[in-house]
Amino acid sequence: MLKKLLPPPKWRFLVMILSSIIIGISLFTFYVSKAHSYLSDKPEACTNCHIMAPQYATWNHSSHREVAHCNDCHVPHNNALEKYYFKAKDGLRHASIFTLKKEPQVIFIKEEGAEVVHNNCIRCHSKLISEHKVGQPNIHHKAHMENRKCWECHREVPHGRVNSISSVPNARVPLPQSPVPDWLKEYLEK
C-alpha cells in the first residue's frame, strides 16, 4: 500500500525538494502572519491587521474591557467546535480581504456575525434584560426587543463612535512584533 503512494525512484529527489519548499513556505507564512495568535482569545491578536486599530482602541477604553474580549462577543459560544469553525471561516475571509487589499474604509459586520454578537449580548446580559429591579420584570426591554438587535438602542457599546480607519487617529494600540527573529537582527547589525 505504501509503495503505491511513493513516486518512482527517479522522481523521489525532486518530489522531496518540492515538498520541502512547499512545507517551508507554508510554515513561514503561518509564522509571519501570526496565525498561531488567532488560536488564543487575546484581543491583541485582532490588531495584527492595522485596520482593526480603531475597534481595539475604542474597546480598550470601554467598560467591556474588564469583562469581555473580542471573542467573547464576536464568536459563538455554543460549543468549542462551532467556536473554532466560526473563527477559522471568519479569519480566512478576513485574511483574504487584507491580502488582496480589498478592505473597506468603514467596516460593517456581516449578518452572520451580527447574529452571533446579538446572541452573545443576550447571553451575558440576560438577567439585566429580564429584570429591571430585583424580582421585577423589565417591561421596557421586553417591549423593545421584538425583531431588533441590541445595538439599535445601544449603538456605541462597546466600540464608541468608530466611523473609519481615521476616526481615532491618536489611538494607542499594541504594535505588531517584528516577525524577524532576534538572532537574525543581531546578525544583520554586524
N, C-alpha and C. Protein backbone atom coordinates (compact mmCIF):
# COMPACT_ATOMS: atom_id res chain seq x y z
N MET A 1 0.82 -1.20 0.00
CA MET A 1 0.00 0.00 0.00
C MET A 1 0.86 1.25 0.00
N LEU A 2 1.90 1.27 0.86
CA LEU A 2 2.77 2.44 0.96
C LEU A 2 3.56 2.64 -0.34
N LYS A 3 3.93 1.55 -1.00
CA LYS A 3 4.69 1.66 -2.26
C LYS A 3 3.89 2.34 -3.34
N LYS A 4 2.55 2.20 -3.30
CA LYS A 4 1.71 2.85 -4.31
C LYS A 4 1.72 4.36 -4.15
N LEU A 5 1.96 4.85 -2.93
CA LEU A 5 1.96 6.29 -2.68
C LEU A 5 3.29 6.95 -3.03
N LEU A 6 4.37 6.16 -3.03
CA LEU A 6 5.69 6.71 -3.33
C LEU A 6 5.86 6.96 -4.82
N PRO A 7 6.52 8.06 -5.18
CA PRO A 7 6.78 8.31 -6.60
C PRO A 7 7.85 7.35 -7.11
N PRO A 8 7.97 7.23 -8.42
CA PRO A 8 9.02 6.37 -8.98
C PRO A 8 10.40 6.83 -8.48
N PRO A 9 11.36 5.93 -8.38
CA PRO A 9 12.68 6.27 -7.82
C PRO A 9 13.34 7.49 -8.47
N LYS A 10 13.21 7.67 -9.78
CA LYS A 10 13.89 8.79 -10.42
C LYS A 10 13.23 10.15 -10.09
N TRP A 11 12.00 10.14 -9.54
CA TRP A 11 11.30 11.38 -9.19
C TRP A 11 11.36 11.69 -7.69
N ARG A 12 11.83 10.76 -6.89
CA ARG A 12 11.77 10.93 -5.43
C ARG A 12 12.54 12.15 -4.94
N PHE A 13 13.73 12.38 -5.45
CA PHE A 13 14.53 13.52 -5.00
C PHE A 13 13.81 14.83 -5.33
N LEU A 14 13.29 14.96 -6.54
CA LEU A 14 12.57 16.16 -6.95
C LEU A 14 11.31 16.37 -6.10
N VAL A 15 10.59 15.29 -5.84
CA VAL A 15 9.37 15.37 -5.02
C VAL A 15 9.75 15.80 -3.59
N MET A 16 10.85 15.28 -3.05
CA MET A 16 11.30 15.68 -1.71
C MET A 16 11.65 17.16 -1.67
N ILE A 17 12.35 17.64 -2.69
CA ILE A 17 12.73 19.05 -2.74
C ILE A 17 11.48 19.93 -2.83
N LEU A 18 10.57 19.61 -3.75
CA LEU A 18 9.35 20.40 -3.91
C LEU A 18 8.48 20.35 -2.64
N SER A 19 8.37 19.19 -2.04
CA SER A 19 7.60 19.06 -0.79
C SER A 19 8.22 19.90 0.32
N SER A 20 9.54 19.88 0.41
CA SER A 20 10.24 20.68 1.42
C SER A 20 10.00 22.17 1.20
N ILE A 21 10.05 22.61 -0.05
CA ILE A 21 9.81 24.02 -0.37
C ILE A 21 8.38 24.42 0.01
N ILE A 22 7.41 23.59 -0.35
CA ILE A 22 6.01 23.89 -0.04
C ILE A 22 5.78 23.92 1.47
N ILE A 23 6.34 22.96 2.18
CA ILE A 23 6.19 22.92 3.64
C ILE A 23 6.89 24.13 4.26
N GLY A 24 8.09 24.47 3.78
CA GLY A 24 8.83 25.63 4.30
C GLY A 24 8.08 26.93 4.08
N ILE A 25 7.54 27.14 2.88
CA ILE A 25 6.78 28.35 2.59
C ILE A 25 5.51 28.40 3.44
N SER A 26 4.87 27.27 3.62
CA SER A 26 3.65 27.22 4.45
C SER A 26 3.96 27.58 5.89
N LEU A 27 5.02 26.99 6.46
CA LEU A 27 5.40 27.29 7.84
C LEU A 27 5.82 28.75 7.99
N PHE A 28 6.55 29.28 7.01
CA PHE A 28 6.97 30.68 7.05
C PHE A 28 5.75 31.60 7.00
N THR A 29 4.79 31.31 6.14
CA THR A 29 3.57 32.11 6.04
C THR A 29 2.78 32.04 7.34
N PHE A 30 2.67 30.86 7.93
CA PHE A 30 1.99 30.69 9.21
C PHE A 30 2.65 31.54 10.28
N TYR A 31 3.99 31.57 10.30
CA TYR A 31 4.74 32.32 11.30
C TYR A 31 4.63 33.83 11.07
N VAL A 32 4.85 34.29 9.86
CA VAL A 32 4.83 35.72 9.56
C VAL A 32 3.43 36.31 9.73
N SER A 33 2.41 35.56 9.39
CA SER A 33 1.04 36.06 9.52
C SER A 33 0.52 35.97 10.95
N LYS A 34 1.34 35.41 11.84
CA LYS A 34 0.96 35.23 13.24
C LYS A 34 -0.33 34.42 13.37
N ALA A 35 -0.51 33.45 12.51
CA ALA A 35 -1.72 32.64 12.51
C ALA A 35 -1.93 31.95 13.86
N HIS A 36 -0.84 31.60 14.53
CA HIS A 36 -0.96 30.95 15.83
C HIS A 36 -1.64 31.85 16.87
N SER A 37 -1.53 33.17 16.73
CA SER A 37 -2.14 34.08 17.71
C SER A 37 -3.67 34.03 17.67
N TYR A 38 -4.22 33.60 16.55
CA TYR A 38 -5.68 33.54 16.43
C TYR A 38 -6.28 32.34 17.14
N LEU A 39 -5.44 31.43 17.61
CA LEU A 39 -5.94 30.30 18.39
C LEU A 39 -6.24 30.73 19.82
N SER A 40 -5.69 31.87 20.23
CA SER A 40 -5.93 32.37 21.58
C SER A 40 -7.15 33.29 21.59
N ASP A 41 -7.48 33.77 22.78
CA ASP A 41 -8.57 34.73 22.92
C ASP A 41 -8.04 36.12 23.26
N LYS A 42 -6.76 36.36 23.04
CA LYS A 42 -6.16 37.65 23.37
C LYS A 42 -6.63 38.71 22.37
N PRO A 43 -7.11 39.86 22.86
CA PRO A 43 -7.59 40.90 21.96
C PRO A 43 -6.48 41.50 21.09
N GLU A 44 -5.24 41.41 21.53
CA GLU A 44 -4.13 41.95 20.74
C GLU A 44 -4.02 41.25 19.38
N ALA A 45 -4.50 40.01 19.30
CA ALA A 45 -4.46 39.28 18.03
C ALA A 45 -5.28 40.01 16.97
N CYS A 46 -6.33 40.69 17.40
CA CYS A 46 -7.18 41.40 16.45
C CYS A 46 -6.48 42.60 15.83
N THR A 47 -5.40 43.08 16.46
CA THR A 47 -4.68 44.22 15.91
C THR A 47 -3.55 43.79 14.96
N ASN A 48 -3.45 42.50 14.68
CA ASN A 48 -2.46 42.06 13.69
C ASN A 48 -2.73 42.74 12.35
N CYS A 49 -3.99 43.04 12.08
CA CYS A 49 -4.36 43.79 10.89
C CYS A 49 -4.51 45.24 11.32
N HIS A 50 -3.81 46.15 10.67
CA HIS A 50 -3.83 47.55 11.09
C HIS A 50 -5.24 48.14 11.05
N ILE A 51 -6.11 47.58 10.24
CA ILE A 51 -7.45 48.13 10.07
C ILE A 51 -8.29 47.99 11.34
N MET A 52 -7.93 47.09 12.23
CA MET A 52 -8.71 46.88 13.45
C MET A 52 -8.27 47.80 14.59
N ALA A 53 -7.32 48.68 14.36
CA ALA A 53 -6.83 49.58 15.41
C ALA A 53 -7.94 50.41 16.04
N PRO A 54 -8.84 51.03 15.29
CA PRO A 54 -9.90 51.82 15.94
C PRO A 54 -10.81 50.96 16.82
N GLN A 55 -11.13 49.77 16.37
CA GLN A 55 -12.00 48.89 17.15
C GLN A 55 -11.30 48.49 18.46
N TYR A 56 -10.02 48.18 18.36
CA TYR A 56 -9.28 47.80 19.57
C TYR A 56 -9.19 48.99 20.52
N ALA A 57 -8.84 50.17 20.01
CA ALA A 57 -8.67 51.35 20.86
C ALA A 57 -9.96 51.74 21.55
N THR A 58 -11.07 51.71 20.84
CA THR A 58 -12.33 52.10 21.46
C THR A 58 -12.80 51.05 22.47
N TRP A 59 -12.61 49.78 22.15
CA TRP A 59 -12.93 48.72 23.12
C TRP A 59 -12.07 48.88 24.37
N ASN A 60 -10.78 49.20 24.17
CA ASN A 60 -9.83 49.30 25.27
C ASN A 60 -10.21 50.43 26.24
N HIS A 61 -11.00 51.38 25.79
CA HIS A 61 -11.44 52.48 26.65
C HIS A 61 -12.90 52.31 27.08
N SER A 62 -13.46 51.14 26.90
CA SER A 62 -14.86 50.92 27.23
C SER A 62 -15.00 50.14 28.53
N SER A 63 -16.21 50.10 29.04
CA SER A 63 -16.47 49.32 30.26
C SER A 63 -16.38 47.82 30.00
N HIS A 64 -16.51 47.40 28.76
CA HIS A 64 -16.44 45.97 28.43
C HIS A 64 -15.01 45.42 28.55
N ARG A 65 -14.02 46.29 28.50
CA ARG A 65 -12.62 45.84 28.53
C ARG A 65 -12.33 44.94 29.72
N GLU A 66 -12.93 45.25 30.86
CA GLU A 66 -12.65 44.50 32.08
C GLU A 66 -13.30 43.11 32.10
N VAL A 67 -14.35 42.91 31.31
CA VAL A 67 -15.11 41.67 31.42
C VAL A 67 -15.25 40.89 30.11
N ALA A 68 -14.97 41.52 28.97
CA ALA A 68 -15.18 40.83 27.69
C ALA A 68 -14.09 41.19 26.70
N HIS A 69 -13.57 40.17 26.03
CA HIS A 69 -12.60 40.38 24.95
C HIS A 69 -13.29 40.15 23.62
N CYS A 70 -12.60 40.36 22.55
CA CYS A 70 -13.18 40.27 21.20
C CYS A 70 -13.98 38.99 21.00
N ASN A 71 -13.37 37.87 21.35
CA ASN A 71 -14.03 36.58 21.12
C ASN A 71 -15.23 36.34 22.02
N ASP A 72 -15.31 37.03 23.15
CA ASP A 72 -16.48 36.89 24.00
C ASP A 72 -17.73 37.38 23.29
N CYS A 73 -17.57 38.37 22.42
CA CYS A 73 -18.71 38.94 21.69
C CYS A 73 -18.82 38.43 20.25
N HIS A 74 -17.69 38.21 19.60
CA HIS A 74 -17.70 38.00 18.15
C HIS A 74 -17.64 36.56 17.67
N VAL A 75 -17.61 35.59 18.57
CA VAL A 75 -17.68 34.18 18.14
C VAL A 75 -18.74 33.46 18.95
N PRO A 76 -19.36 32.43 18.37
CA PRO A 76 -20.39 31.69 19.10
C PRO A 76 -19.80 30.93 20.29
N HIS A 77 -20.62 30.72 21.30
CA HIS A 77 -20.17 30.01 22.50
C HIS A 77 -21.01 28.77 22.77
N ASN A 78 -21.65 28.23 21.73
CA ASN A 78 -22.47 27.03 21.91
C ASN A 78 -21.61 25.83 22.26
N ASN A 79 -20.50 25.65 21.51
CA ASN A 79 -19.55 24.57 21.77
C ASN A 79 -18.22 24.92 21.12
N ALA A 80 -17.16 24.22 21.51
CA ALA A 80 -15.81 24.53 21.03
C ALA A 80 -15.68 24.33 19.52
N LEU A 81 -16.32 23.31 18.99
CA LEU A 81 -16.24 23.04 17.55
C LEU A 81 -16.82 24.20 16.75
N GLU A 82 -17.99 24.67 17.14
CA GLU A 82 -18.61 25.79 16.42
C GLU A 82 -17.78 27.06 16.58
N LYS A 83 -17.23 27.27 17.77
CA LYS A 83 -16.40 28.45 18.03
C LYS A 83 -15.21 28.50 17.08
N TYR A 84 -14.45 27.40 17.01
CA TYR A 84 -13.24 27.41 16.19
C TYR A 84 -13.56 27.32 14.70
N TYR A 85 -14.66 26.70 14.34
CA TYR A 85 -15.09 26.70 12.94
C TYR A 85 -15.42 28.13 12.50
N PHE A 86 -16.16 28.86 13.33
CA PHE A 86 -16.53 30.24 13.02
C PHE A 86 -15.27 31.11 12.95
N LYS A 87 -14.34 30.94 13.91
CA LYS A 87 -13.10 31.73 13.90
C LYS A 87 -12.30 31.45 12.64
N ALA A 88 -12.20 30.19 12.25
CA ALA A 88 -11.43 29.83 11.05
C ALA A 88 -12.07 30.40 9.79
N LYS A 89 -13.37 30.23 9.67
CA LYS A 89 -14.08 30.72 8.48
C LYS A 89 -13.98 32.24 8.39
N ASP A 90 -14.25 32.93 9.49
CA ASP A 90 -14.19 34.39 9.50
C ASP A 90 -12.75 34.87 9.30
N GLY A 91 -11.81 34.18 9.93
CA GLY A 91 -10.40 34.55 9.80
C GLY A 91 -9.89 34.39 8.38
N LEU A 92 -10.28 33.31 7.71
CA LEU A 92 -9.84 33.11 6.32
C LEU A 92 -10.44 34.18 5.41
N ARG A 93 -11.68 34.59 5.68
CA ARG A 93 -12.29 35.66 4.89
C ARG A 93 -11.54 36.96 5.13
N HIS A 94 -11.25 37.27 6.40
CA HIS A 94 -10.50 38.49 6.71
C HIS A 94 -9.11 38.47 6.08
N ALA A 95 -8.42 37.35 6.21
CA ALA A 95 -7.07 37.24 5.65
C ALA A 95 -7.09 37.44 4.14
N SER A 96 -8.09 36.88 3.48
CA SER A 96 -8.19 37.04 2.02
C SER A 96 -8.43 38.50 1.66
N ILE A 97 -9.31 39.16 2.38
CA ILE A 97 -9.61 40.57 2.10
C ILE A 97 -8.37 41.42 2.31
N PHE A 98 -7.66 41.22 3.42
CA PHE A 98 -6.49 42.04 3.71
C PHE A 98 -5.33 41.74 2.77
N THR A 99 -5.16 40.47 2.41
CA THR A 99 -4.09 40.09 1.49
C THR A 99 -4.31 40.72 0.11
N LEU A 100 -5.55 40.75 -0.32
CA LEU A 100 -5.88 41.32 -1.63
C LEU A 100 -6.08 42.83 -1.58
N LYS A 101 -5.86 43.43 -0.41
CA LYS A 101 -6.01 44.88 -0.21
C LYS A 101 -7.41 45.36 -0.59
N LYS A 102 -8.43 44.59 -0.21
CA LYS A 102 -9.82 44.92 -0.53
C LYS A 102 -10.60 45.37 0.71
N GLU A 103 -9.88 45.72 1.79
CA GLU A 103 -10.59 46.12 2.99
C GLU A 103 -11.29 47.46 2.78
N PRO A 104 -12.50 47.56 3.30
CA PRO A 104 -13.25 48.81 3.14
C PRO A 104 -12.75 49.88 4.10
N GLN A 105 -13.03 51.13 3.79
CA GLN A 105 -12.66 52.24 4.68
C GLN A 105 -13.47 52.17 5.97
N VAL A 106 -14.72 51.78 5.86
CA VAL A 106 -15.60 51.64 7.02
C VAL A 106 -16.01 50.17 7.12
N ILE A 107 -15.81 49.60 8.29
CA ILE A 107 -16.10 48.18 8.49
C ILE A 107 -17.53 48.02 8.99
N PHE A 108 -18.28 47.14 8.36
CA PHE A 108 -19.61 46.78 8.81
C PHE A 108 -19.64 45.29 9.06
N ILE A 109 -20.29 44.90 10.13
CA ILE A 109 -20.38 43.49 10.48
C ILE A 109 -21.33 42.78 9.50
N LYS A 110 -20.97 41.58 9.11
CA LYS A 110 -21.82 40.77 8.24
C LYS A 110 -22.99 40.22 9.04
N GLU A 111 -24.05 39.81 8.36
CA GLU A 111 -25.28 39.36 9.04
C GLU A 111 -25.02 38.19 9.98
N GLU A 112 -24.20 37.23 9.54
CA GLU A 112 -23.91 36.08 10.39
C GLU A 112 -23.19 36.52 11.67
N GLY A 113 -22.24 37.43 11.53
CA GLY A 113 -21.53 37.95 12.69
C GLY A 113 -22.43 38.77 13.59
N ALA A 114 -23.34 39.53 12.99
CA ALA A 114 -24.28 40.35 13.76
C ALA A 114 -25.17 39.46 14.62
N GLU A 115 -25.58 38.34 14.07
CA GLU A 115 -26.42 37.41 14.83
C GLU A 115 -25.64 36.83 16.01
N VAL A 116 -24.38 36.51 15.80
CA VAL A 116 -23.53 35.98 16.87
C VAL A 116 -23.37 37.02 17.98
N VAL A 117 -23.07 38.27 17.60
CA VAL A 117 -22.89 39.33 18.60
C VAL A 117 -24.19 39.54 19.38
N HIS A 118 -25.29 39.59 18.67
CA HIS A 118 -26.60 39.79 19.33
C HIS A 118 -26.87 38.66 20.34
N ASN A 119 -26.64 37.42 19.93
CA ASN A 119 -26.85 36.29 20.85
C ASN A 119 -25.93 36.37 22.06
N ASN A 120 -24.70 36.86 21.86
CA ASN A 120 -23.78 36.99 22.98
C ASN A 120 -24.16 38.13 23.91
N CYS A 121 -24.75 39.20 23.37
CA CYS A 121 -25.27 40.28 24.24
C CYS A 121 -26.32 39.70 25.17
N ILE A 122 -27.23 38.94 24.59
CA ILE A 122 -28.31 38.35 25.38
C ILE A 122 -27.75 37.33 26.38
N ARG A 123 -26.76 36.54 25.95
CA ARG A 123 -26.16 35.54 26.84
C ARG A 123 -25.55 36.20 28.07
N CYS A 124 -24.84 37.29 27.88
CA CYS A 124 -24.17 37.94 29.02
C CYS A 124 -25.11 38.82 29.84
N HIS A 125 -26.08 39.42 29.19
CA HIS A 125 -26.93 40.40 29.87
C HIS A 125 -28.35 39.89 30.10
N SER A 126 -28.57 38.59 30.09
CA SER A 126 -29.92 38.05 30.20
C SER A 126 -30.62 38.48 31.49
N LYS A 127 -29.90 38.51 32.58
CA LYS A 127 -30.53 38.91 33.84
C LYS A 127 -30.89 40.39 33.81
N LEU A 128 -30.01 41.21 33.27
CA LEU A 128 -30.27 42.64 33.16
C LEU A 128 -31.46 42.91 32.24
N ILE A 129 -31.58 42.14 31.20
CA ILE A 129 -32.67 42.30 30.24
C ILE A 129 -34.00 41.89 30.86
N SER A 130 -33.99 40.82 31.62
CA SER A 130 -35.24 40.28 32.14
C SER A 130 -35.71 40.94 33.43
N GLU A 131 -34.79 41.52 34.22
CA GLU A 131 -35.18 42.14 35.48
C GLU A 131 -34.68 43.57 35.54
N HIS A 132 -35.59 44.51 35.75
CA HIS A 132 -35.22 45.92 35.88
C HIS A 132 -34.70 46.17 37.29
N LYS A 133 -35.49 45.81 38.26
CA LYS A 133 -35.08 45.83 39.66
C LYS A 133 -35.23 44.39 40.14
N VAL A 134 -34.59 44.07 41.22
CA VAL A 134 -34.60 42.69 41.70
C VAL A 134 -36.03 42.17 41.78
N GLY A 135 -36.30 41.12 41.02
CA GLY A 135 -37.59 40.47 41.06
C GLY A 135 -38.68 41.11 40.22
N GLN A 136 -38.43 42.27 39.62
CA GLN A 136 -39.45 42.94 38.80
C GLN A 136 -39.11 42.79 37.33
N PRO A 137 -40.06 42.41 36.49
CA PRO A 137 -39.78 42.27 35.06
C PRO A 137 -39.46 43.62 34.42
N ASN A 138 -38.52 43.60 33.49
CA ASN A 138 -38.14 44.82 32.78
C ASN A 138 -39.01 44.96 31.54
N ILE A 139 -40.12 45.62 31.66
CA ILE A 139 -41.08 45.77 30.57
C ILE A 139 -40.48 46.55 29.41
N HIS A 140 -39.63 47.53 29.71
CA HIS A 140 -39.01 48.36 28.66
C HIS A 140 -38.25 47.49 27.66
N HIS A 141 -37.40 46.61 28.17
CA HIS A 141 -36.62 45.77 27.26
C HIS A 141 -37.50 44.77 26.52
N LYS A 142 -38.37 44.13 27.20
CA LYS A 142 -39.23 43.13 26.56
C LYS A 142 -40.05 43.74 25.43
N ALA A 143 -40.55 44.94 25.63
CA ALA A 143 -41.38 45.61 24.62
C ALA A 143 -40.57 46.06 23.42
N HIS A 144 -39.29 46.33 23.60
CA HIS A 144 -38.47 46.86 22.51
C HIS A 144 -37.53 45.83 21.87
N MET A 145 -37.57 44.59 22.33
CA MET A 145 -36.64 43.57 21.82
C MET A 145 -37.17 42.79 20.63
N GLU A 146 -38.43 42.92 20.31
CA GLU A 146 -39.00 42.17 19.20
C GLU A 146 -38.36 42.58 17.87
N ASN A 147 -37.76 41.64 17.18
CA ASN A 147 -37.18 41.85 15.84
C ASN A 147 -36.16 42.98 15.80
N ARG A 148 -35.41 43.17 16.85
CA ARG A 148 -34.39 44.22 16.89
C ARG A 148 -33.10 43.66 17.45
N LYS A 149 -32.00 44.27 17.05
CA LYS A 149 -30.70 43.93 17.60
C LYS A 149 -30.42 44.87 18.76
N CYS A 150 -29.62 44.44 19.71
CA CYS A 150 -29.32 45.24 20.90
C CYS A 150 -28.74 46.61 20.55
N TRP A 151 -27.88 46.67 19.52
CA TRP A 151 -27.19 47.92 19.21
C TRP A 151 -28.06 48.94 18.49
N GLU A 152 -29.30 48.60 18.21
CA GLU A 152 -30.19 49.62 17.67
C GLU A 152 -30.43 50.70 18.73
N CYS A 153 -30.42 50.31 19.99
CA CYS A 153 -30.54 51.28 21.08
C CYS A 153 -29.19 51.58 21.74
N HIS A 154 -28.32 50.58 21.77
CA HIS A 154 -27.03 50.72 22.44
C HIS A 154 -25.92 50.78 21.39
N ARG A 155 -26.04 51.70 20.47
CA ARG A 155 -25.19 51.79 19.29
C ARG A 155 -23.70 51.91 19.60
N GLU A 156 -23.34 52.64 20.61
CA GLU A 156 -21.92 52.91 20.85
C GLU A 156 -21.30 52.01 21.92
N VAL A 157 -21.92 50.86 22.16
CA VAL A 157 -21.39 49.91 23.13
C VAL A 157 -20.82 48.73 22.37
N PRO A 158 -19.60 48.29 22.58
CA PRO A 158 -18.54 48.84 23.38
C PRO A 158 -17.51 49.63 22.58
N HIS A 159 -17.75 49.82 21.29
CA HIS A 159 -16.73 50.43 20.44
C HIS A 159 -16.83 51.94 20.31
N GLY A 160 -17.79 52.56 20.95
CA GLY A 160 -17.90 54.01 20.81
C GLY A 160 -18.26 54.38 19.39
N ARG A 161 -17.84 55.53 18.97
CA ARG A 161 -18.15 56.02 17.63
C ARG A 161 -16.95 55.77 16.72
N VAL A 162 -17.01 54.71 15.95
CA VAL A 162 -15.94 54.37 15.01
C VAL A 162 -16.51 54.48 13.61
N ASN A 163 -16.08 55.51 12.89
CA ASN A 163 -16.60 55.74 11.54
C ASN A 163 -15.67 55.22 10.45
N SER A 164 -14.37 55.30 10.69
CA SER A 164 -13.42 54.87 9.67
C SER A 164 -12.08 54.61 10.31
N ILE A 165 -11.12 54.27 9.47
CA ILE A 165 -9.75 54.00 9.95
C ILE A 165 -9.20 55.25 10.63
N SER A 166 -9.55 56.43 10.15
CA SER A 166 -9.01 57.67 10.69
C SER A 166 -9.86 58.27 11.82
N SER A 167 -10.88 57.56 12.30
CA SER A 167 -11.77 58.12 13.32
C SER A 167 -11.11 58.23 14.69
N VAL A 168 -10.08 57.47 14.94
CA VAL A 168 -9.32 57.59 16.19
C VAL A 168 -7.84 57.68 15.84
N PRO A 169 -7.40 58.85 15.29
CA PRO A 169 -6.03 58.96 14.78
C PRO A 169 -4.95 58.81 15.85
N ASN A 170 -5.26 59.13 17.11
CA ASN A 170 -4.25 59.05 18.16
C ASN A 170 -4.42 57.80 19.03
N ALA A 171 -5.08 56.81 18.49
CA ALA A 171 -5.33 55.58 19.24
C ALA A 171 -4.02 54.88 19.54
N ARG A 172 -3.92 54.41 20.75
CA ARG A 172 -2.74 53.64 21.15
C ARG A 172 -3.12 52.17 21.12
N VAL A 173 -2.51 51.46 20.22
CA VAL A 173 -2.77 50.04 20.10
C VAL A 173 -1.43 49.31 20.19
N PRO A 174 -1.43 48.04 20.57
CA PRO A 174 -0.17 47.30 20.62
C PRO A 174 0.46 47.23 19.23
N LEU A 175 1.72 47.59 19.16
CA LEU A 175 2.41 47.49 17.88
C LEU A 175 2.70 46.03 17.58
N PRO A 176 2.51 45.62 16.33
CA PRO A 176 2.83 44.22 15.99
C PRO A 176 4.31 43.95 16.18
N GLN A 177 4.62 42.80 16.70
CA GLN A 177 6.02 42.43 16.87
C GLN A 177 6.60 42.07 15.51
N SER A 178 7.88 42.34 15.35
CA SER A 178 8.56 42.02 14.11
C SER A 178 8.64 40.51 13.94
N PRO A 179 8.36 40.01 12.73
CA PRO A 179 8.49 38.57 12.51
C PRO A 179 9.95 38.12 12.35
N VAL A 180 10.88 39.08 12.29
CA VAL A 180 12.30 38.75 12.12
C VAL A 180 12.85 38.28 13.47
N PRO A 181 13.41 37.08 13.54
CA PRO A 181 13.94 36.57 14.81
C PRO A 181 15.11 37.43 15.31
N ASP A 182 15.29 37.49 16.63
CA ASP A 182 16.34 38.32 17.23
C ASP A 182 17.72 37.93 16.72
N TRP A 183 17.98 36.62 16.56
CA TRP A 183 19.31 36.20 16.11
C TRP A 183 19.61 36.73 14.72
N LEU A 184 18.59 36.86 13.87
CA LEU A 184 18.80 37.39 12.53
C LEU A 184 19.03 38.90 12.57
N LYS A 185 18.31 39.60 13.44
CA LYS A 185 18.53 41.04 13.61
C LYS A 185 19.96 41.32 14.05
N GLU A 186 20.42 40.53 15.05
CA GLU A 186 21.80 40.70 15.55
C GLU A 186 22.81 40.42 14.44
N TYR A 187 22.56 39.41 13.66
CA TYR A 187 23.48 39.06 12.57
C TYR A 187 23.53 40.19 11.53
N LEU A 188 22.38 40.75 11.20
CA LEU A 188 22.32 41.83 10.19
C LEU A 188 22.91 43.13 10.68
N GLU A 189 22.92 43.36 12.00
CA GLU A 189 23.51 44.57 12.56
C GLU A 189 25.03 44.54 12.55
N LYS A 190 25.63 43.37 12.46
CA LYS A 190 27.10 43.23 12.48
C LYS A 190 27.72 43.67 11.20
